[in-house]
């Protein structure tokens, strides 16, 4: 009985950790895209000025 509960808790914590990791990867991908877009806009403005 205790063994089943411990296994269940382990599975739950493992699932939470995996979902946290996926969320972190998505957030960092969004940040990279936002930085890239900002760099492109800055480059476009610099080219217009020349």
PDB file of N, CA and C in Angstrom:
ATOM      1  N   UNK A   1       0.832  -1.194   0.000  1.00  0.00           N
ATOM      2  CA  UNK A   1       0.000   0.000   0.000  1.00  0.00           C
ATOM      3  C   UNK A   1       0.878   1.260   0.000  1.00  0.00           C
ATOM      4  N   UNK A   2       1.825   1.329   0.940  1.00  0.00           N
ATOM      5  CA  UNK A   2       2.715   2.488   0.988  1.00  0.00           C
ATOM      6  C   UNK A   2       3.545   2.578  -0.289  1.00  0.00           C
ATOM      7  N   UNK A   3       3.937   1.414  -0.792  1.00  0.00           N
ATOM      8  CA  UNK A   3       4.756   1.375  -2.000  1.00  0.00           C
ATOM      9  C   UNK A   3       3.992   1.978  -3.177  1.00  0.00           C
ATOM     10  N   UNK A   4       2.698   1.653  -3.275  1.00  0.00           N
ATOM     11  CA  UNK A   4       1.869   2.198  -4.352  1.00  0.00           C
ATOM     12  C   UNK A   4       1.755   3.714  -4.245  1.00  0.00           C
ATOM     13  N   UNK A   5       1.572   4.213  -3.026  1.00  0.00           N
ATOM     14  CA  UNK A   5       1.450   5.660  -2.826  1.00  0.00           C
ATOM     15  C   UNK A   5       2.759   6.363  -3.177  1.00  0.00           C
ATOM     16  N   UNK A   6       3.865   5.768  -2.780  1.00  0.00           N
ATOM     17  CA  UNK A   6       5.169   6.362  -3.071  1.00  0.00           C
ATOM     18  C   UNK A   6       5.403   6.400  -4.577  1.00  0.00           C
ATOM     19  N   UNK A   7       5.040   5.322  -5.253  1.00  0.00           N
ATOM     20  CA  UNK A   7       5.210   5.273  -6.706  1.00  0.00           C
ATOM     21  C   UNK A   7       4.328   6.322  -7.377  1.00  0.00           C
ATOM     22  N   UNK A   8       3.117   6.468  -6.887  1.00  0.00           N
ATOM     23  CA  UNK A   8       2.190   7.450  -7.446  1.00  0.00           C
ATOM     24  C   UNK A   8       2.733   8.872  -7.258  1.00  0.00           C
ATOM     25  N   UNK A   9       3.262   9.153  -6.069  1.00  0.00           N
ATOM     26  CA  UNK A   9       3.844  10.478  -5.808  1.00  0.00           C
ATOM     27  C   UNK A   9       5.043  10.727  -6.724  1.00  0.00           C
ATOM     28  N   UNK A  10       5.848   9.681  -6.918  1.00  0.00           N
ATOM     29  CA  UNK A  10       7.006   9.802  -7.802  1.00  0.00           C
ATOM     30  C   UNK A  10       6.555  10.127  -9.220  1.00  0.00           C
ATOM     31  N   UNK A  11       5.547   9.400  -9.698  1.00  0.00           N
ATOM     32  CA  UNK A  11       5.032   9.631 -11.053  1.00  0.00           C
ATOM     33  C   UNK A  11       4.492  11.053 -11.191  1.00  0.00           C
ATOM     34  N   UNK A  12       3.767  11.518 -10.175  1.00  0.00           N
ATOM     35  CA  UNK A  12       3.200  12.872 -10.210  1.00  0.00           C
ATOM     36  C   UNK A  12       4.302  13.925 -10.254  1.00  0.00           C
ATOM     37  N   UNK A  13       5.310  13.770  -9.401  1.00  0.00           N
ATOM     38  CA  UNK A  13       6.382  14.767  -9.361  1.00  0.00           C
ATOM     39  C   UNK A  13       7.197  14.734 -10.652  1.00  0.00           C
ATOM     40  N   UNK A  14       7.357  13.544 -11.216  1.00  0.00           N
ATOM     41  CA  UNK A  14       8.081  13.416 -12.485  1.00  0.00           C
ATOM     42  C   UNK A  14       7.309  14.133 -13.594  1.00  0.00           C
ATOM     43  N   UNK A  15       6.001  13.944 -13.628  1.00  0.00           N
ATOM     44  CA  UNK A  15       5.169  14.592 -14.640  1.00  0.00           C
ATOM     45  C   UNK A  15       5.212  16.113 -14.488  1.00  0.00           C
ATOM     46  N   UNK A  16       5.174  16.587 -13.251  1.00  0.00           N
ATOM     47  CA  UNK A  16       5.252  18.033 -13.007  1.00  0.00           C
ATOM     48  C   UNK A  16       6.592  18.594 -13.476  1.00  0.00           C
ATOM     49  N   UNK A  17       7.658  17.898 -13.171  1.00  0.00           N
ATOM     50  CA  UNK A  17       8.990  18.356 -13.573  1.00  0.00           C
ATOM     51  C   UNK A  17       9.100  18.414 -15.093  1.00  0.00           C
ATOM     52  N   UNK A  18       8.547  17.408 -15.777  1.00  0.00           N
ATOM     53  CA  UNK A  18       8.595  17.396 -17.236  1.00  0.00           C
ATOM     54  C   UNK A  18       7.779  18.538 -17.823  1.00  0.00           C
ATOM     55  N   UNK A  19       6.612  18.814 -17.254  1.00  0.00           N
ATOM     56  CA  UNK A  19       5.791  19.903 -17.785  1.00  0.00           C
ATOM     57  C   UNK A  19       6.448  21.254 -17.516  1.00  0.00           C
ATOM     58  N   UNK A  20       7.123  21.395 -16.366  1.00  0.00           N
ATOM     59  CA  UNK A  20       7.862  22.627 -16.073  1.00  0.00           C
ATOM     60  C   UNK A  20       8.983  22.837 -17.088  1.00  0.00           C
ATOM     61  N   UNK A  21       9.678  21.754 -17.423  1.00  0.00           N
ATOM     62  CA  UNK A  21      10.775  21.838 -18.382  1.00  0.00           C
ATOM     63  C   UNK A  21      10.248  22.250 -19.754  1.00  0.00           C
ATOM     64  N   UNK A  22       9.131  21.662 -20.164  1.00  0.00           N
ATOM     65  CA  UNK A  22       8.536  22.019 -21.458  1.00  0.00           C
ATOM     66  C   UNK A  22       8.115  23.482 -21.475  1.00  0.00           C
ATOM     67  N   UNK A  23       7.532  23.949 -20.386  1.00  0.00           N
ATOM     68  CA  UNK A  23       7.100  25.351 -20.305  1.00  0.00           C
ATOM     69  C   UNK A  23       8.309  26.281 -20.375  1.00  0.00           C
ATOM     70  N   UNK A  24       9.393  25.886 -19.716  1.00  0.00           N
ATOM     71  CA  UNK A  24      10.615  26.693 -19.732  1.00  0.00           C
ATOM     72  C   UNK A  24      11.185  26.772 -21.146  1.00  0.00           C
ATOM     73  N   UNK A  25      11.168  25.648 -21.858  1.00  0.00           N
ATOM     74  CA  UNK A  25      11.675  25.638 -23.235  1.00  0.00           C
ATOM     75  C   UNK A  25      10.825  26.534 -24.123  1.00  0.00           C
ATOM     76  N   UNK A  26       9.493  26.478 -23.945  1.00  0.00           N
ATOM     77  CA  UNK A  26       8.604  27.328 -24.747  1.00  0.00           C
ATOM     78  C   UNK A  26       8.868  28.798 -24.456  1.00  0.00           C
ATOM     79  N   UNK A  27       9.053  29.130 -23.193  1.00  0.00           N
ATOM     80  CA  UNK A  27       9.298  30.524 -22.810  1.00  0.00           C
ATOM     81  C   UNK A  27      10.612  31.017 -23.405  1.00  0.00           C
ATOM     82  N   UNK A  28      11.653  30.195 -23.349  1.00  0.00           N
ATOM     83  CA  UNK A  28      12.939  30.636 -23.889  1.00  0.00           C
ATOM     84  C   UNK A  28      12.863  30.759 -25.404  1.00  0.00           C
ATOM     85  N   UNK A  29      12.082  29.911 -26.054  1.00  0.00           N
ATOM     86  CA  UNK A  29      11.902  30.026 -27.504  1.00  0.00           C
ATOM     87  C   UNK A  29      11.185  31.328 -27.840  1.00  0.00           C
ATOM     88  N   UNK A  30      10.177  31.679 -27.039  1.00  0.00           N
ATOM     89  CA  UNK A  30       9.462  32.945 -27.259  1.00  0.00           C
ATOM     90  C   UNK A  30      10.406  34.129 -27.073  1.00  0.00           C
ATOM     91  N   UNK A  31      11.267  34.053 -26.065  1.00  0.00           N
ATOM     92  CA  UNK A  31      12.222  35.140 -25.823  1.00  0.00           C
ATOM     93  C   UNK A  31      13.197  35.279 -26.988  1.00  0.00           C
ATOM     94  N   UNK A  32      13.681  34.154 -27.504  1.00  0.00           N
ATOM     95  CA  UNK A  32      14.606  34.205 -28.642  1.00  0.00           C
ATOM     96  C   UNK A  32      13.927  34.842 -29.852  1.00  0.00           C
ATOM     97  N   UNK A  33      12.679  34.447 -30.105  1.00  0.00           N
ATOM     98  CA  UNK A  33      11.942  35.014 -31.240  1.00  0.00           C
ATOM     99  C   UNK A  33      11.732  36.508 -31.059  1.00  0.00           C
ATOM    100  N   UNK A  34      11.421  36.926 -29.848  1.00  0.00           N
ATOM    101  CA  UNK A  34      11.201  38.350 -29.578  1.00  0.00           C
ATOM    102  C   UNK A  34      12.496  39.136 -29.779  1.00  0.00           C
ATOM    103  N   UNK A  35      13.622  38.592 -29.310  1.00  0.00           N
ATOM    104  CA  UNK A  35      14.912  39.271 -29.496  1.00  0.00           C
ATOM    105  C   UNK A  35      15.264  39.362 -30.975  1.00  0.00           C
ATOM    106  N   UNK A  36      15.025  38.272 -31.697  1.00  0.00           N
ATOM    107  CA  UNK A  36      15.319  38.253 -33.124  1.00  0.00           C
ATOM    108  C   UNK A  36      14.474  39.298 -33.848  1.00  0.00           C
ATOM    109  N   UNK A  37      13.199  39.371 -33.511  1.00  0.00           N
ATOM    110  CA  UNK A  37      12.317  40.364 -34.129  1.00  0.00           C
ATOM    111  C   UNK A  37      12.797  41.774 -33.813  1.00  0.00           C
ATOM    112  N   UNK A  38      13.222  42.012 -32.589  1.00  0.00           N
ATOM    113  CA  UNK A  38      13.722  43.336 -32.202  1.00  0.00           C
ATOM    114  C   UNK A  38      15.003  43.663 -32.971  1.00  0.00           C
ATOM    115  N   UNK A  39      15.876  42.675 -33.136  1.00  0.00           N
ATOM    116  CA  UNK A  39      17.115  42.893 -33.891  1.00  0.00           C
ATOM    117  C   UNK A  39      16.808  43.215 -35.347  1.00  0.00           C
ATOM    118  N   UNK A  40      15.844  42.512 -35.926  1.00  0.00           N
ATOM    119  CA  UNK A  40      15.465  42.752 -37.321  1.00  0.00           C
ATOM    120  C   UNK A  40      14.895  44.161 -37.477  1.00  0.00           C
ATOM    121  N   UNK A  41      14.037  44.557 -36.543  1.00  0.00           N
ATOM    122  CA  UNK A  41      13.462  45.908 -36.603  1.00  0.00           C
ATOM    123  C   UNK A  41      14.543  46.965 -36.474  1.00  0.00           C
ATOM    124  N   UNK A  42      15.479  46.756 -35.553  1.00  0.00           N
ATOM    125  CA  UNK A  42      16.569  47.717 -35.358  1.00  0.00           C
ATOM    126  C   UNK A  42      17.431  47.788 -36.616  1.00  0.00           C
ATOM    127  N   UNK A  43      17.687  46.651 -37.223  1.00  0.00           N
ATOM    128  CA  UNK A  43      18.479  46.619 -38.457  1.00  0.00           C
ATOM    129  C   UNK A  43      17.759  47.321 -39.593  1.00  0.00           C
ATOM    130  N   UNK A  44      16.459  47.130 -39.686  1.00  0.00           N
ATOM    131  CA  UNK A  44      15.675  47.779 -40.736  1.00  0.00           C
ATOM    132  C   UNK A  44      15.696  49.294 -40.553  1.00  0.00           C
ATOM    133  N   UNK A  45      15.573  49.747 -39.312  1.00  0.00           N
ATOM    134  CA  UNK A  45      15.607  51.191 -39.042  1.00  0.00           C
ATOM    135  C   UNK A  45      16.981  51.760 -39.387  1.00  0.00           C
ATOM    136  N   UNK A  46      18.035  51.014 -39.083  1.00  0.00           N
ATOM    137  CA  UNK A  46      19.390  51.477 -39.382  1.00  0.00           C
ATOM    138  C   UNK A  46      19.592  51.573 -40.892  1.00  0.00           C
ATOM    139  N   UNK A  47      19.053  50.621 -41.646  1.00  0.00           N
ATOM    140  CA  UNK A  47      19.194  50.636 -43.102  1.00  0.00           C
ATOM    141  C   UNK A  47      18.422  51.790 -43.721  1.00  0.00           C
ATOM    142  N   UNK A  48      17.265  52.107 -43.169  1.00  0.00           N
ATOM    143  CA  UNK A  48      16.458  53.213 -43.685  1.00  0.00           C
ATOM    144  C   UNK A  48      17.203  54.532 -43.474  1.00  0.00           C
ATOM    145  N   UNK A  49      17.901  54.638 -42.356  1.00  0.00           N
ATOM    146  CA  UNK A  49      18.636  55.860 -42.035  1.00  0.00           C
ATOM    147  C   UNK A  49      19.821  56.097 -42.951  1.00  0.00           C
ATOM    148  N   UNK A  50      20.360  55.043 -43.566  1.00  0.00           N
ATOM    149  CA  UNK A  50      21.561  55.187 -44.418  1.00  0.00           C
ATOM    150  C   UNK A  50      21.231  55.699 -45.783  1.00  0.00           C
TER     151      UNK A  50
END
